[in-house]
Amino acid sequence: MASLSWISIAFLVIFAFATNILAQWDQSAAAAPAATIFPQGGEGSLKPEQCAGACDYRCSATSHKKPCLFFCNMCCQKCLCVPSGTYGHKEECPCYNDWKTQQGTPKCP
């Protein structure tokens, strides 16, 4: 019976230690912004040769990679800007955000 209490105390100590480590890791991950991968900027913040890399990242999470890359690169060449992240944040690039198809839907992913 005494060994059972030592096992439970050891488990609680290990659990508390692991929780502390995970909390510190979560805080350090939150401190590093995603903008370090591709810095956000306004229109004209990219050079034309940077569009391919920015669009590869922008389209990395979609299941429709080929059309995403096609339209993203077309939009980037015109606006010289790609919003940060893999989705949303289009307010960072008004040109990218405001370019619409004939049906009025967004042209840029």
N, C-alpha and C. Protein backbone atom coordinates (compact mmCIF):
# COMPACT_ATOMS: atom_id res chain seq x y z
N MET A 1 0.82 -1.18 0.00
CA MET A 1 0.00 0.00 0.00
C MET A 1 0.86 1.25 0.00
N ALA A 2 2.01 1.19 0.73
CA ALA A 2 2.90 2.35 0.78
C ALA A 2 3.51 2.62 -0.59
N SER A 3 3.81 1.57 -1.35
CA SER A 3 4.40 1.77 -2.67
C SER A 3 3.40 2.42 -3.62
N LEU A 4 2.13 2.20 -3.44
CA LEU A 4 1.10 2.82 -4.28
C LEU A 4 1.08 4.33 -4.06
N SER A 5 1.24 4.78 -2.83
CA SER A 5 1.23 6.22 -2.57
C SER A 5 2.47 6.88 -3.17
N TRP A 6 3.63 6.20 -3.14
CA TRP A 6 4.84 6.76 -3.75
C TRP A 6 4.71 6.85 -5.26
N ILE A 7 4.07 5.86 -5.85
CA ILE A 7 3.86 5.87 -7.30
C ILE A 7 2.95 7.04 -7.68
N SER A 8 1.89 7.24 -6.92
CA SER A 8 0.99 8.34 -7.24
C SER A 8 1.66 9.70 -7.02
N ILE A 9 2.50 9.82 -6.01
CA ILE A 9 3.23 11.08 -5.77
C ILE A 9 4.22 11.32 -6.92
N ALA A 10 4.92 10.28 -7.33
CA ALA A 10 5.86 10.41 -8.45
C ALA A 10 5.12 10.81 -9.73
N PHE A 11 3.97 10.21 -9.97
CA PHE A 11 3.17 10.57 -11.14
C PHE A 11 2.75 12.03 -11.09
N LEU A 12 2.31 12.51 -9.94
CA LEU A 12 1.90 13.91 -9.82
C LEU A 12 3.07 14.87 -10.04
N VAL A 13 4.25 14.51 -9.54
CA VAL A 13 5.43 15.36 -9.74
C VAL A 13 5.79 15.42 -11.23
N ILE A 14 5.78 14.27 -11.89
CA ILE A 14 6.10 14.24 -13.32
C ILE A 14 5.05 15.01 -14.11
N PHE A 15 3.78 14.85 -13.75
CA PHE A 15 2.70 15.56 -14.43
C PHE A 15 2.85 17.07 -14.26
N ALA A 16 3.17 17.53 -13.05
CA ALA A 16 3.35 18.97 -12.81
C ALA A 16 4.54 19.50 -13.59
N PHE A 17 5.62 18.75 -13.66
CA PHE A 17 6.80 19.15 -14.41
C PHE A 17 6.47 19.26 -15.90
N ALA A 18 5.78 18.27 -16.45
CA ALA A 18 5.42 18.28 -17.87
C ALA A 18 4.48 19.43 -18.18
N THR A 19 3.53 19.71 -17.30
CA THR A 19 2.61 20.83 -17.51
C THR A 19 3.36 22.15 -17.53
N ASN A 20 4.34 22.31 -16.65
CA ASN A 20 5.14 23.52 -16.60
C ASN A 20 5.95 23.69 -17.89
N ILE A 21 6.56 22.62 -18.36
CA ILE A 21 7.35 22.67 -19.60
C ILE A 21 6.45 23.03 -20.78
N LEU A 22 5.27 22.42 -20.87
CA LEU A 22 4.34 22.72 -21.97
C LEU A 22 3.87 24.16 -21.92
N ALA A 23 3.64 24.69 -20.74
CA ALA A 23 3.20 26.08 -20.61
C ALA A 23 4.30 27.03 -21.08
N GLN A 24 5.54 26.75 -20.72
CA GLN A 24 6.66 27.59 -21.17
C GLN A 24 6.83 27.50 -22.69
N TRP A 25 6.68 26.32 -23.25
CA TRP A 25 6.81 26.12 -24.69
C TRP A 25 5.71 26.87 -25.42
N ASP A 26 4.48 26.84 -24.90
CA ASP A 26 3.36 27.54 -25.51
C ASP A 26 3.59 29.05 -25.50
N GLN A 27 4.14 29.58 -24.40
CA GLN A 27 4.42 31.01 -24.33
C GLN A 27 5.50 31.41 -25.31
N SER A 28 6.53 30.60 -25.48
CA SER A 28 7.60 30.95 -26.42
C SER A 28 7.11 30.86 -27.86
N ALA A 29 6.19 29.93 -28.15
CA ALA A 29 5.63 29.84 -29.50
C ALA A 29 4.75 31.05 -29.80
N ALA A 30 4.03 31.54 -28.79
CA ALA A 30 3.17 32.70 -28.99
C ALA A 30 3.99 33.97 -29.14
N ALA A 31 5.18 34.00 -28.56
CA ALA A 31 6.02 35.19 -28.63
C ALA A 31 6.63 35.37 -30.01
N ALA A 32 6.81 34.28 -30.77
CA ALA A 32 7.38 34.37 -32.11
C ALA A 32 6.24 34.53 -33.11
N PRO A 33 6.06 35.71 -33.67
CA PRO A 33 4.95 35.92 -34.59
C PRO A 33 5.14 35.18 -35.90
N ALA A 34 4.04 34.84 -36.54
CA ALA A 34 4.08 34.15 -37.82
C ALA A 34 4.66 35.03 -38.92
N ALA A 35 4.70 36.33 -38.68
CA ALA A 35 5.21 37.26 -39.68
C ALA A 35 6.70 37.08 -39.93
N THR A 36 7.38 36.31 -39.07
CA THR A 36 8.80 36.10 -39.31
C THR A 36 9.03 35.19 -40.50
N ILE A 37 8.03 34.39 -40.89
CA ILE A 37 8.17 33.51 -42.04
C ILE A 37 8.13 34.36 -43.32
N PHE A 38 7.07 35.12 -43.48
CA PHE A 38 6.93 36.06 -44.58
C PHE A 38 6.46 37.36 -43.99
N PRO A 39 7.33 38.35 -43.90
CA PRO A 39 6.95 39.60 -43.26
C PRO A 39 5.77 40.25 -43.97
N GLN A 40 4.84 40.73 -43.18
CA GLN A 40 3.70 41.40 -43.79
C GLN A 40 4.11 42.80 -44.21
N GLY A 41 3.46 43.29 -45.20
CA GLY A 41 3.74 44.62 -45.69
C GLY A 41 2.62 45.04 -46.60
N GLY A 42 2.62 46.26 -46.97
CA GLY A 42 1.57 46.75 -47.85
C GLY A 42 1.90 46.49 -49.30
N GLU A 43 1.12 47.10 -50.15
CA GLU A 43 1.33 46.94 -51.58
C GLU A 43 2.73 47.43 -51.95
N GLY A 44 3.35 46.70 -52.84
CA GLY A 44 4.69 47.04 -53.27
C GLY A 44 5.77 46.59 -52.31
N SER A 45 5.42 45.81 -51.30
CA SER A 45 6.42 45.38 -50.32
C SER A 45 7.26 44.21 -50.82
N LEU A 46 6.83 43.56 -51.90
CA LEU A 46 7.57 42.44 -52.46
C LEU A 46 8.20 42.83 -53.80
N LYS A 47 9.25 42.12 -54.14
CA LYS A 47 9.82 42.23 -55.48
C LYS A 47 9.20 41.11 -56.31
N PRO A 48 9.09 41.28 -57.63
CA PRO A 48 8.46 40.24 -58.46
C PRO A 48 9.07 38.85 -58.26
N GLU A 49 10.37 38.76 -58.02
CA GLU A 49 10.98 37.45 -57.84
C GLU A 49 10.64 36.81 -56.49
N GLN A 50 10.05 37.56 -55.57
CA GLN A 50 9.65 37.01 -54.27
C GLN A 50 8.23 36.45 -54.30
N CYS A 51 7.50 36.68 -55.37
CA CYS A 51 6.10 36.24 -55.45
C CYS A 51 5.95 34.73 -55.35
N ALA A 52 6.82 33.99 -56.03
CA ALA A 52 6.69 32.52 -56.04
C ALA A 52 6.79 31.95 -54.63
N GLY A 53 7.75 32.41 -53.85
CA GLY A 53 7.90 31.90 -52.48
C GLY A 53 6.74 32.30 -51.59
N ALA A 54 6.29 33.54 -51.72
CA ALA A 54 5.16 34.00 -50.90
C ALA A 54 3.89 33.25 -51.26
N CYS A 55 3.68 32.98 -52.55
CA CYS A 55 2.49 32.25 -52.97
C CYS A 55 2.57 30.77 -52.61
N ASP A 56 3.77 30.20 -52.64
CA ASP A 56 3.92 28.80 -52.19
C ASP A 56 3.44 28.67 -50.75
N TYR A 57 3.83 29.63 -49.90
CA TYR A 57 3.39 29.59 -48.51
C TYR A 57 1.89 29.88 -48.40
N ARG A 58 1.40 30.88 -49.13
CA ARG A 58 -0.02 31.26 -49.07
C ARG A 58 -0.90 30.08 -49.46
N CYS A 59 -0.50 29.30 -50.44
CA CYS A 59 -1.32 28.20 -50.96
C CYS A 59 -0.96 26.85 -50.34
N SER A 60 -0.12 26.82 -49.34
CA SER A 60 0.35 25.55 -48.77
C SER A 60 -0.73 24.75 -48.06
N ALA A 61 -1.79 25.40 -47.60
CA ALA A 61 -2.81 24.68 -46.83
C ALA A 61 -4.05 24.32 -47.66
N THR A 62 -4.08 24.67 -48.93
CA THR A 62 -5.27 24.40 -49.73
C THR A 62 -5.18 23.05 -50.42
N SER A 63 -6.32 22.49 -50.77
CA SER A 63 -6.34 21.25 -51.54
C SER A 63 -6.37 21.55 -53.03
N HIS A 64 -6.51 22.83 -53.40
CA HIS A 64 -6.55 23.25 -54.81
C HIS A 64 -5.28 24.05 -55.11
N LYS A 65 -4.14 23.41 -55.02
CA LYS A 65 -2.86 24.12 -55.13
C LYS A 65 -2.63 24.78 -56.49
N LYS A 66 -2.93 24.08 -57.58
CA LYS A 66 -2.61 24.61 -58.90
C LYS A 66 -3.36 25.91 -59.19
N PRO A 67 -4.70 25.97 -59.03
CA PRO A 67 -5.37 27.25 -59.27
C PRO A 67 -5.00 28.32 -58.25
N CYS A 68 -4.77 27.91 -57.02
CA CYS A 68 -4.37 28.88 -55.99
C CYS A 68 -3.05 29.53 -56.37
N LEU A 69 -2.07 28.72 -56.75
CA LEU A 69 -0.77 29.26 -57.13
C LEU A 69 -0.87 30.14 -58.38
N PHE A 70 -1.69 29.74 -59.35
CA PHE A 70 -1.84 30.51 -60.58
C PHE A 70 -2.38 31.91 -60.26
N PHE A 71 -3.49 31.97 -59.52
CA PHE A 71 -4.10 33.26 -59.24
C PHE A 71 -3.30 34.08 -58.23
N CYS A 72 -2.69 33.42 -57.26
CA CYS A 72 -1.87 34.13 -56.30
C CYS A 72 -0.69 34.81 -57.00
N ASN A 73 -0.01 34.08 -57.88
CA ASN A 73 1.13 34.66 -58.60
C ASN A 73 0.69 35.79 -59.52
N MET A 74 -0.47 35.63 -60.16
CA MET A 74 -1.00 36.69 -61.03
C MET A 74 -1.29 37.94 -60.19
N CYS A 75 -1.90 37.77 -59.05
CA CYS A 75 -2.23 38.89 -58.17
C CYS A 75 -0.97 39.52 -57.60
N CYS A 76 -0.01 38.70 -57.24
CA CYS A 76 1.24 39.21 -56.67
C CYS A 76 2.02 40.03 -57.70
N GLN A 77 2.04 39.57 -58.94
CA GLN A 77 2.75 40.31 -59.98
C GLN A 77 2.11 41.68 -60.21
N LYS A 78 0.80 41.77 -60.04
CA LYS A 78 0.12 43.06 -60.21
C LYS A 78 0.28 43.95 -58.97
N CYS A 79 0.08 43.38 -57.80
CA CYS A 79 0.03 44.17 -56.56
C CYS A 79 1.36 44.22 -55.81
N LEU A 80 2.27 43.28 -56.12
CA LEU A 80 3.54 43.14 -55.39
C LEU A 80 3.31 43.02 -53.88
N CYS A 81 2.30 42.23 -53.55
CA CYS A 81 1.93 42.01 -52.15
C CYS A 81 1.17 40.70 -52.07
N VAL A 82 1.42 39.92 -51.02
CA VAL A 82 0.66 38.72 -50.71
C VAL A 82 0.36 38.78 -49.22
N PRO A 83 -0.92 38.63 -48.83
CA PRO A 83 -1.24 38.69 -47.40
C PRO A 83 -0.52 37.61 -46.61
N SER A 84 -0.24 37.88 -45.35
CA SER A 84 0.44 36.91 -44.51
C SER A 84 -0.50 35.75 -44.19
N GLY A 85 0.06 34.63 -43.89
CA GLY A 85 -0.74 33.46 -43.52
C GLY A 85 -1.21 32.69 -44.74
N THR A 86 -1.96 31.62 -44.47
CA THR A 86 -2.47 30.78 -45.55
C THR A 86 -3.91 31.09 -45.90
N TYR A 87 -4.55 31.96 -45.12
CA TYR A 87 -5.95 32.31 -45.37
C TYR A 87 -6.25 33.64 -44.69
N GLY A 88 -7.11 34.44 -45.31
CA GLY A 88 -7.52 35.70 -44.70
C GLY A 88 -6.43 36.76 -44.76
N HIS A 89 -6.51 37.73 -43.89
CA HIS A 89 -5.57 38.85 -43.77
C HIS A 89 -5.47 39.68 -45.04
N LYS A 90 -6.51 39.65 -45.88
CA LYS A 90 -6.45 40.38 -47.15
C LYS A 90 -6.45 41.89 -46.96
N GLU A 91 -6.82 42.37 -45.78
CA GLU A 91 -6.79 43.81 -45.52
C GLU A 91 -5.36 44.36 -45.57
N GLU A 92 -4.37 43.49 -45.48
CA GLU A 92 -2.97 43.93 -45.57
C GLU A 92 -2.62 44.40 -46.99
N CYS A 93 -3.34 43.90 -47.97
CA CYS A 93 -3.07 44.23 -49.38
C CYS A 93 -4.36 44.65 -50.07
N PRO A 94 -4.70 45.93 -50.02
CA PRO A 94 -5.98 46.36 -50.63
C PRO A 94 -6.11 45.99 -52.11
N CYS A 95 -5.03 46.11 -52.88
CA CYS A 95 -5.09 45.76 -54.30
C CYS A 95 -5.44 44.28 -54.45
N TYR A 96 -4.80 43.45 -53.68
CA TYR A 96 -5.02 42.00 -53.68
C TYR A 96 -6.46 41.69 -53.27
N ASN A 97 -6.96 42.43 -52.30
CA ASN A 97 -8.30 42.22 -51.76
C ASN A 97 -9.39 42.72 -52.71
N ASP A 98 -9.15 43.83 -53.39
CA ASP A 98 -10.20 44.48 -54.17
C ASP A 98 -10.29 43.99 -55.61
N TRP A 99 -9.35 43.20 -56.07
CA TRP A 99 -9.40 42.71 -57.45
C TRP A 99 -10.45 41.61 -57.52
N LYS A 100 -11.51 41.82 -58.31
CA LYS A 100 -12.65 40.91 -58.38
C LYS A 100 -12.80 40.32 -59.77
N THR A 101 -13.50 39.18 -59.86
CA THR A 101 -13.85 38.58 -61.14
C THR A 101 -15.06 39.32 -61.70
N GLN A 102 -15.48 38.96 -62.92
CA GLN A 102 -16.67 39.58 -63.51
C GLN A 102 -17.93 39.28 -62.69
N GLN A 103 -17.91 38.17 -61.95
CA GLN A 103 -19.05 37.82 -61.12
C GLN A 103 -19.02 38.54 -59.76
N GLY A 104 -17.96 39.26 -59.48
CA GLY A 104 -17.85 39.99 -58.23
C GLY A 104 -17.22 39.20 -57.09
N THR A 105 -16.71 38.02 -57.38
CA THR A 105 -16.05 37.23 -56.34
C THR A 105 -14.56 37.58 -56.32
N PRO A 106 -13.87 37.35 -55.21
CA PRO A 106 -12.45 37.69 -55.13
C PRO A 106 -11.63 36.89 -56.16
N LYS A 107 -10.75 37.56 -56.85
CA LYS A 107 -9.88 36.89 -57.81
C LYS A 107 -8.65 36.30 -57.12
N CYS A 108 -8.19 36.94 -56.08
CA CYS A 108 -6.96 36.53 -55.43
C CYS A 108 -7.26 35.66 -54.20
N PRO A 109 -6.52 34.54 -54.07
CA PRO A 109 -6.78 33.65 -52.92
C PRO A 109 -6.23 34.18 -51.62
